[in-house]
Amino acid sequence: MINKITADDVRQMIGSEGLVLQGCGGDPAEWLQGINEMLTEEGILLNGAAFEDISVFEYNGLTNILFPFDSMDSDALHIGKLAIWRLKTHSTFGGTWLSDYLPNSLGVDITAAKESVVSILRAAKASAKSAPEQKPQEKERGSHKKSFEPEV
């Protein structure tokens, strides 16, 4: 699936990782097919894996494609070989990691964003600690099957 997104959508992808190719004019489906073939030939995509969902966005007059790693199984992608391929082909594809693209191209302050997430998680944890502990209560008394559900 080819998703059309905006640079603002990409700015919200803190904590995600993927490969951003820059300056990808033409048909995104052809890019998807060609990159999948290339990465398979290089031994980067393993066990018949392929990128299926990509995101296309415009920034600074360039059409860019994000190949997200979120949907890839850990045994489907040889990340070490991909890192070398990205460096070897940088002059051709302008490839960069999403985590580098966010601060270096889009100006996202990743440190501040991560601190914001951490503070939200800490607040949620503190709130959970201060809430009274709820004990399970039997749903059906006298039934041979016992199922429990928390008090409401």
N, C-alpha and C. Protein backbone atom coordinates (compact mmCIF):
# COMPACT_ATOMS: atom_id res chain seq x y z
N MET A 1 0.84 -1.17 0.00
CA MET A 1 0.00 0.00 0.00
C MET A 1 0.90 1.25 0.00
N ILE A 2 0.55 2.18 -0.78
CA ILE A 2 1.30 3.43 -0.87
C ILE A 2 0.45 4.53 -0.23
N ASN A 3 0.97 5.08 0.86
CA ASN A 3 0.26 6.12 1.61
C ASN A 3 0.83 7.48 1.25
N LYS A 4 -0.04 8.43 1.00
CA LYS A 4 0.37 9.81 0.77
C LYS A 4 0.24 10.55 2.11
N ILE A 5 1.35 11.07 2.62
CA ILE A 5 1.34 11.78 3.90
C ILE A 5 2.01 13.13 3.72
N THR A 6 2.02 13.93 4.78
CA THR A 6 2.66 15.24 4.74
C THR A 6 3.92 15.21 5.60
N ALA A 7 4.75 16.23 5.45
CA ALA A 7 5.94 16.36 6.28
C ALA A 7 5.54 16.50 7.75
N ASP A 8 4.39 17.13 8.01
CA ASP A 8 3.91 17.22 9.40
C ASP A 8 3.58 15.85 9.96
N ASP A 9 3.05 14.95 9.14
CA ASP A 9 2.81 13.58 9.58
C ASP A 9 4.13 12.91 9.96
N VAL A 10 5.16 13.14 9.16
CA VAL A 10 6.47 12.54 9.42
C VAL A 10 7.03 13.09 10.73
N ARG A 11 6.82 14.36 11.00
CA ARG A 11 7.30 14.97 12.25
C ARG A 11 6.75 14.27 13.49
N GLN A 12 5.62 13.61 13.37
CA GLN A 12 4.98 12.93 14.49
C GLN A 12 5.51 11.51 14.69
N MET A 13 6.45 11.08 13.89
CA MET A 13 6.91 9.69 13.91
C MET A 13 8.11 9.46 14.81
N ILE A 14 8.20 10.24 15.87
CA ILE A 14 9.28 10.06 16.83
C ILE A 14 9.12 8.69 17.47
N GLY A 15 10.22 7.96 17.55
CA GLY A 15 10.17 6.62 18.13
C GLY A 15 10.03 5.54 17.08
N SER A 16 9.72 5.92 15.85
CA SER A 16 9.65 4.96 14.75
C SER A 16 10.98 4.98 14.01
N GLU A 17 11.22 3.97 13.22
CA GLU A 17 12.44 3.94 12.43
C GLU A 17 12.11 3.43 11.05
N GLY A 18 12.91 3.86 10.09
CA GLY A 18 12.73 3.46 8.71
C GLY A 18 13.80 4.09 7.86
N LEU A 19 13.72 3.84 6.58
CA LEU A 19 14.64 4.39 5.60
C LEU A 19 13.91 5.42 4.77
N VAL A 20 14.45 6.63 4.70
CA VAL A 20 13.88 7.69 3.89
C VAL A 20 14.75 7.84 2.65
N LEU A 21 14.15 7.69 1.47
CA LEU A 21 14.84 7.96 0.21
C LEU A 21 14.32 9.29 -0.29
N GLN A 22 15.25 10.16 -0.71
CA GLN A 22 14.90 11.53 -1.10
C GLN A 22 15.05 11.73 -2.60
N GLY A 23 14.13 12.49 -3.17
CA GLY A 23 14.19 12.80 -4.60
C GLY A 23 13.69 11.66 -5.46
N CYS A 24 12.58 11.06 -5.04
CA CYS A 24 12.02 9.90 -5.73
C CYS A 24 10.88 10.31 -6.65
N GLY A 25 11.20 10.94 -7.75
CA GLY A 25 10.19 11.34 -8.71
C GLY A 25 9.64 10.14 -9.45
N GLY A 26 8.48 10.30 -10.06
CA GLY A 26 7.89 9.22 -10.84
C GLY A 26 6.88 8.43 -10.03
N ASP A 27 6.62 7.24 -10.49
CA ASP A 27 5.59 6.37 -9.91
C ASP A 27 6.11 5.69 -8.64
N PRO A 28 5.51 5.96 -7.48
CA PRO A 28 5.95 5.32 -6.24
C PRO A 28 5.88 3.79 -6.28
N ALA A 29 4.93 3.24 -7.03
CA ALA A 29 4.82 1.78 -7.14
C ALA A 29 6.07 1.20 -7.80
N GLU A 30 6.61 1.92 -8.79
CA GLU A 30 7.85 1.46 -9.43
C GLU A 30 9.01 1.54 -8.46
N TRP A 31 9.04 2.58 -7.63
CA TRP A 31 10.08 2.69 -6.61
C TRP A 31 9.98 1.53 -5.63
N LEU A 32 8.78 1.23 -5.18
CA LEU A 32 8.56 0.15 -4.23
C LEU A 32 9.06 -1.17 -4.81
N GLN A 33 8.66 -1.47 -6.02
CA GLN A 33 9.07 -2.71 -6.67
C GLN A 33 10.59 -2.74 -6.87
N GLY A 34 11.15 -1.65 -7.38
CA GLY A 34 12.59 -1.61 -7.67
C GLY A 34 13.45 -1.71 -6.42
N ILE A 35 13.07 -1.00 -5.36
CA ILE A 35 13.84 -1.06 -4.11
C ILE A 35 13.73 -2.44 -3.49
N ASN A 36 12.54 -3.04 -3.50
CA ASN A 36 12.39 -4.40 -2.98
C ASN A 36 13.28 -5.38 -3.74
N GLU A 37 13.30 -5.27 -5.07
CA GLU A 37 14.16 -6.16 -5.87
C GLU A 37 15.63 -5.94 -5.54
N MET A 38 16.04 -4.68 -5.46
CA MET A 38 17.43 -4.35 -5.17
C MET A 38 17.85 -4.88 -3.79
N LEU A 39 17.01 -4.67 -2.79
CA LEU A 39 17.35 -5.10 -1.43
C LEU A 39 17.33 -6.62 -1.31
N THR A 40 16.50 -7.28 -2.10
CA THR A 40 16.49 -8.74 -2.10
C THR A 40 17.78 -9.26 -2.73
N GLU A 41 18.17 -8.69 -3.88
CA GLU A 41 19.41 -9.10 -4.55
C GLU A 41 20.64 -8.89 -3.67
N GLU A 42 20.62 -7.85 -2.84
CA GLU A 42 21.75 -7.54 -1.96
C GLU A 42 21.75 -8.37 -0.68
N GLY A 43 20.73 -9.22 -0.50
CA GLY A 43 20.65 -10.05 0.70
C GLY A 43 20.23 -9.27 1.94
N ILE A 44 19.51 -8.18 1.72
CA ILE A 44 19.05 -7.33 2.83
C ILE A 44 17.64 -7.73 3.25
N LEU A 45 16.77 -7.95 2.29
CA LEU A 45 15.43 -8.50 2.58
C LEU A 45 15.56 -10.01 2.54
N LEU A 46 15.16 -10.66 3.62
CA LEU A 46 15.39 -12.10 3.79
C LEU A 46 14.08 -12.87 3.83
N ASN A 47 14.18 -14.15 3.55
CA ASN A 47 13.05 -15.08 3.69
C ASN A 47 11.82 -14.64 2.90
N GLY A 48 12.03 -14.09 1.73
CA GLY A 48 10.92 -13.68 0.87
C GLY A 48 10.22 -12.41 1.33
N ALA A 49 10.81 -11.71 2.29
CA ALA A 49 10.19 -10.48 2.80
C ALA A 49 10.28 -9.36 1.77
N ALA A 50 9.36 -8.42 1.89
CA ALA A 50 9.36 -7.23 1.03
C ALA A 50 8.63 -6.12 1.76
N PHE A 51 9.02 -4.91 1.47
CA PHE A 51 8.25 -3.77 1.98
C PHE A 51 6.93 -3.76 1.22
N GLU A 52 5.85 -3.61 1.95
CA GLU A 52 4.53 -3.56 1.33
C GLU A 52 3.88 -2.20 1.52
N ASP A 53 4.07 -1.62 2.70
CA ASP A 53 3.49 -0.32 3.02
C ASP A 53 4.58 0.73 3.06
N ILE A 54 4.48 1.72 2.20
CA ILE A 54 5.42 2.83 2.20
C ILE A 54 4.62 4.13 2.28
N SER A 55 5.32 5.18 2.66
CA SER A 55 4.67 6.49 2.73
C SER A 55 5.44 7.47 1.86
N VAL A 56 4.71 8.23 1.06
CA VAL A 56 5.29 9.21 0.15
C VAL A 56 4.92 10.59 0.67
N PHE A 57 5.93 11.48 0.74
CA PHE A 57 5.67 12.84 1.19
C PHE A 57 6.59 13.82 0.46
N GLU A 58 6.15 15.06 0.40
CA GLU A 58 6.92 16.13 -0.24
C GLU A 58 7.58 16.98 0.84
N TYR A 59 8.84 17.36 0.58
CA TYR A 59 9.51 18.29 1.47
C TYR A 59 10.64 18.98 0.71
N ASN A 60 10.69 20.28 0.82
CA ASN A 60 11.72 21.09 0.14
C ASN A 60 11.79 20.80 -1.35
N GLY A 61 10.64 20.65 -1.98
CA GLY A 61 10.60 20.43 -3.42
C GLY A 61 10.97 19.03 -3.87
N LEU A 62 11.17 18.11 -2.92
CA LEU A 62 11.51 16.74 -3.27
C LEU A 62 10.38 15.80 -2.88
N THR A 63 10.21 14.76 -3.69
CA THR A 63 9.32 13.67 -3.32
C THR A 63 10.16 12.64 -2.60
N ASN A 64 9.74 12.30 -1.38
CA ASN A 64 10.49 11.37 -0.55
C ASN A 64 9.63 10.16 -0.25
N ILE A 65 10.29 9.02 -0.03
CA ILE A 65 9.58 7.79 0.30
C ILE A 65 10.15 7.24 1.60
N LEU A 66 9.25 6.93 2.53
CA LEU A 66 9.61 6.31 3.79
C LEU A 66 9.29 4.82 3.71
N PHE A 67 10.32 4.02 3.94
CA PHE A 67 10.18 2.57 4.04
C PHE A 67 10.26 2.24 5.53
N PRO A 68 9.11 2.09 6.20
CA PRO A 68 9.12 1.89 7.66
C PRO A 68 9.54 0.48 8.05
N PHE A 69 10.25 0.39 9.18
CA PHE A 69 10.68 -0.91 9.68
C PHE A 69 9.65 -1.52 10.62
N ASP A 70 8.68 -0.75 11.07
CA ASP A 70 7.72 -1.22 12.07
C ASP A 70 7.02 -2.51 11.67
N SER A 71 6.70 -2.66 10.40
CA SER A 71 5.94 -3.83 9.97
C SER A 71 6.83 -5.00 9.55
N MET A 72 8.14 -4.83 9.65
CA MET A 72 9.06 -5.89 9.24
C MET A 72 9.42 -6.77 10.43
N ASP A 73 9.38 -8.09 10.24
CA ASP A 73 9.86 -9.01 11.27
C ASP A 73 11.37 -8.86 11.40
N SER A 74 11.89 -9.11 12.60
CA SER A 74 13.32 -8.93 12.84
C SER A 74 14.17 -9.88 12.00
N ASP A 75 13.61 -11.03 11.62
CA ASP A 75 14.38 -11.97 10.80
C ASP A 75 14.18 -11.73 9.30
N ALA A 76 13.48 -10.67 8.94
CA ALA A 76 13.19 -10.38 7.53
C ALA A 76 14.10 -9.30 6.95
N LEU A 77 14.86 -8.63 7.81
CA LEU A 77 15.65 -7.48 7.37
C LEU A 77 17.04 -7.55 7.98
N HIS A 78 18.07 -7.59 7.14
CA HIS A 78 19.46 -7.59 7.62
C HIS A 78 19.89 -6.13 7.75
N ILE A 79 19.75 -5.59 8.96
CA ILE A 79 19.96 -4.16 9.18
C ILE A 79 21.41 -3.74 8.94
N GLY A 80 22.37 -4.61 9.24
CA GLY A 80 23.78 -4.29 9.01
C GLY A 80 24.07 -4.09 7.52
N LYS A 81 23.56 -5.00 6.71
CA LYS A 81 23.74 -4.87 5.26
C LYS A 81 22.99 -3.65 4.73
N LEU A 82 21.82 -3.37 5.31
CA LEU A 82 21.06 -2.19 4.87
C LEU A 82 21.85 -0.91 5.18
N ALA A 83 22.50 -0.87 6.33
CA ALA A 83 23.29 0.31 6.70
C ALA A 83 24.42 0.54 5.69
N ILE A 84 25.07 -0.52 5.29
CA ILE A 84 26.16 -0.41 4.30
C ILE A 84 25.58 0.00 2.94
N TRP A 85 24.47 -0.61 2.55
CA TRP A 85 23.82 -0.26 1.28
C TRP A 85 23.42 1.20 1.26
N ARG A 86 22.87 1.69 2.38
CA ARG A 86 22.45 3.09 2.47
C ARG A 86 23.63 4.02 2.25
N LEU A 87 24.76 3.69 2.86
CA LEU A 87 25.96 4.53 2.67
C LEU A 87 26.47 4.47 1.23
N LYS A 88 26.50 3.26 0.66
CA LYS A 88 27.00 3.10 -0.72
C LYS A 88 26.12 3.81 -1.74
N THR A 89 24.82 3.88 -1.47
CA THR A 89 23.89 4.44 -2.46
C THR A 89 23.41 5.84 -2.09
N HIS A 90 24.02 6.45 -1.08
CA HIS A 90 23.54 7.76 -0.62
C HIS A 90 23.55 8.81 -1.72
N SER A 91 24.57 8.81 -2.54
CA SER A 91 24.64 9.83 -3.61
C SER A 91 23.56 9.60 -4.66
N THR A 92 23.05 8.39 -4.77
CA THR A 92 22.00 8.09 -5.74
C THR A 92 20.60 8.32 -5.17
N PHE A 93 20.37 7.83 -3.95
CA PHE A 93 19.03 7.84 -3.37
C PHE A 93 18.85 8.83 -2.23
N GLY A 94 19.93 9.43 -1.73
CA GLY A 94 19.82 10.34 -0.59
C GLY A 94 19.25 9.66 0.63
N GLY A 95 19.53 8.36 0.77
CA GLY A 95 18.97 7.58 1.86
C GLY A 95 19.47 8.01 3.23
N THR A 96 18.55 8.09 4.17
CA THR A 96 18.87 8.42 5.56
C THR A 96 17.89 7.71 6.47
N TRP A 97 18.29 7.47 7.70
CA TRP A 97 17.38 6.87 8.67
C TRP A 97 16.34 7.91 9.06
N LEU A 98 15.14 7.46 9.34
CA LEU A 98 14.08 8.35 9.78
C LEU A 98 14.51 9.12 11.03
N SER A 99 15.18 8.43 11.96
CA SER A 99 15.61 9.09 13.20
C SER A 99 16.65 10.18 12.96
N ASP A 100 17.34 10.15 11.84
CA ASP A 100 18.26 11.23 11.46
C ASP A 100 17.53 12.30 10.66
N TYR A 101 16.58 11.88 9.84
CA TYR A 101 15.84 12.81 8.99
C TYR A 101 15.02 13.79 9.83
N LEU A 102 14.41 13.28 10.91
CA LEU A 102 13.56 14.14 11.74
C LEU A 102 14.31 15.37 12.25
N PRO A 103 15.45 15.23 12.93
CA PRO A 103 16.13 16.43 13.42
C PRO A 103 16.91 17.18 12.33
N ASN A 104 17.53 16.45 11.41
CA ASN A 104 18.43 17.10 10.46
C ASN A 104 17.73 17.76 9.27
N SER A 105 16.59 17.22 8.86
CA SER A 105 15.86 17.80 7.73
C SER A 105 14.60 18.55 8.17
N LEU A 106 13.87 17.97 9.13
CA LEU A 106 12.60 18.56 9.54
C LEU A 106 12.72 19.42 10.79
N GLY A 107 13.90 19.44 11.41
CA GLY A 107 14.12 20.29 12.58
C GLY A 107 13.39 19.84 13.84
N VAL A 108 13.06 18.56 13.93
CA VAL A 108 12.37 18.04 15.11
C VAL A 108 13.38 17.88 16.24
N ASP A 109 13.05 18.45 17.41
CA ASP A 109 13.89 18.29 18.59
C ASP A 109 13.52 16.97 19.24
N ILE A 110 14.23 15.92 18.88
CA ILE A 110 13.91 14.58 19.35
C ILE A 110 14.08 14.47 20.85
N THR A 111 15.09 15.12 21.40
CA THR A 111 15.33 15.05 22.84
C THR A 111 14.13 15.61 23.60
N ALA A 112 13.65 16.77 23.20
CA ALA A 112 12.50 17.38 23.87
C ALA A 112 11.26 16.50 23.71
N ALA A 113 11.07 15.95 22.52
CA ALA A 113 9.91 15.10 22.28
C ALA A 113 9.97 13.84 23.14
N LYS A 114 11.15 13.23 23.25
CA LYS A 114 11.29 12.04 24.08
C LYS A 114 11.06 12.38 25.55
N GLU A 115 11.58 13.53 25.99
CA GLU A 115 11.37 13.95 27.38
C GLU A 115 9.88 14.16 27.65
N SER A 116 9.16 14.69 26.68
CA SER A 116 7.72 14.89 26.83
C SER A 116 7.01 13.55 26.99
N VAL A 117 7.38 12.58 26.19
CA VAL A 117 6.78 11.25 26.29
C VAL A 117 7.10 10.62 27.64
N VAL A 118 8.36 10.75 28.08
CA VAL A 118 8.76 10.19 29.37
C VAL A 118 7.96 10.84 30.51
N SER A 119 7.78 12.14 30.46
CA SER A 119 7.03 12.81 31.53
C SER A 119 5.56 12.38 31.53
N ILE A 120 4.98 12.14 30.37
CA ILE A 120 3.61 11.65 30.28
C ILE A 120 3.52 10.25 30.89
N LEU A 121 4.49 9.39 30.58
CA LEU A 121 4.50 8.04 31.12
C LEU A 121 4.68 8.05 32.64
N ARG A 122 5.56 8.93 33.13
CA ARG A 122 5.76 9.04 34.58
C ARG A 122 4.49 9.50 35.28
N ALA A 123 3.81 10.46 34.69
CA ALA A 123 2.56 10.95 35.27
C ALA A 123 1.51 9.84 35.30
N ALA A 124 1.43 9.05 34.24
CA ALA A 124 0.47 7.95 34.19
C ALA A 124 0.81 6.90 35.24
N LYS A 125 2.09 6.62 35.41
CA LYS A 125 2.53 5.64 36.40
C LYS A 125 2.21 6.13 37.81
N ALA A 126 2.48 7.41 38.10
CA ALA A 126 2.18 7.98 39.41
C ALA A 126 0.68 7.95 39.67
N SER A 127 -0.11 8.23 38.66
CA SER A 127 -1.56 8.21 38.79
C SER A 127 -2.04 6.80 39.10
N ALA A 128 -1.45 5.82 38.45
CA ALA A 128 -1.83 4.42 38.67
C ALA A 128 -1.47 3.99 40.09
N LYS A 129 -0.34 4.46 40.62
CA LYS A 129 0.08 4.10 41.97
C LYS A 129 -0.85 4.70 43.02
N SER A 130 -1.36 5.89 42.76
CA SER A 130 -2.20 6.56 43.75
C SER A 130 -3.65 6.07 43.71
N ALA A 131 -4.03 5.37 42.66
CA ALA A 131 -5.39 4.85 42.56
C ALA A 131 -5.54 3.66 43.49
N PRO A 132 -6.71 3.50 44.13
CA PRO A 132 -6.89 2.35 45.03
C PRO A 132 -6.81 1.05 44.24
N GLU A 133 -6.19 0.05 44.88
CA GLU A 133 -6.04 -1.24 44.23
C GLU A 133 -7.39 -1.91 44.14
N GLN A 134 -7.68 -2.44 42.98
CA GLN A 134 -8.96 -3.12 42.78
C GLN A 134 -8.73 -4.61 42.78
N LYS A 135 -9.54 -5.33 43.53
CA LYS A 135 -9.42 -6.78 43.60
C LYS A 135 -10.44 -7.41 42.67
N PRO A 136 -10.07 -8.54 42.09
CA PRO A 136 -11.03 -9.21 41.21
C PRO A 136 -12.25 -9.67 42.00
N GLN A 137 -13.37 -9.70 41.34
CA GLN A 137 -14.62 -10.13 41.96
C GLN A 137 -15.21 -11.23 41.10
N GLU A 138 -15.78 -12.24 41.74
CA GLU A 138 -16.37 -13.32 40.97
C GLU A 138 -17.54 -12.79 40.16
N LYS A 139 -17.58 -13.20 38.89
CA LYS A 139 -18.64 -12.76 38.01
C LYS A 139 -19.91 -13.58 38.26
N GLU A 140 -19.75 -14.90 38.29
CA GLU A 140 -20.89 -15.77 38.51
C GLU A 140 -20.60 -16.63 39.73
N ARG A 141 -21.36 -16.45 40.79
CA ARG A 141 -21.17 -17.27 41.98
C ARG A 141 -21.88 -18.61 41.79
N GLY A 142 -21.20 -19.64 42.28
CA GLY A 142 -21.80 -20.97 42.23
C GLY A 142 -21.63 -21.68 40.90
N SER A 143 -21.05 -21.02 39.92
CA SER A 143 -20.84 -21.65 38.62
C SER A 143 -19.60 -22.53 38.70
N HIS A 144 -19.58 -23.61 37.95
CA HIS A 144 -18.40 -24.46 37.94
C HIS A 144 -17.22 -23.77 37.22
N LYS A 145 -17.54 -22.82 36.35
CA LYS A 145 -16.52 -22.02 35.69
C LYS A 145 -16.38 -20.74 36.47
N LYS A 146 -15.16 -20.41 36.84
CA LYS A 146 -14.96 -19.15 37.55
C LYS A 146 -14.29 -18.17 36.62
N SER A 147 -14.92 -17.06 36.44
CA SER A 147 -14.30 -15.99 35.68
C SER A 147 -14.29 -14.77 36.57
N PHE A 148 -13.29 -13.98 36.42
CA PHE A 148 -13.13 -12.81 37.27
C PHE A 148 -13.14 -11.56 36.43
N GLU A 149 -13.66 -10.52 37.03
CA GLU A 149 -13.59 -9.24 36.37
C GLU A 149 -13.43 -8.18 37.44
N PRO A 150 -12.66 -7.15 37.19
CA PRO A 150 -12.41 -6.13 38.22
C PRO A 150 -13.68 -5.37 38.58
N GLU A 151 -13.70 -4.92 39.86
CA GLU A 151 -14.81 -4.08 40.29
C GLU A 151 -14.82 -2.79 39.50
N VAL A 152 -15.99 -2.29 39.24
CA VAL A 152 -16.10 -1.03 38.52
C VAL A 152 -16.56 0.06 39.46
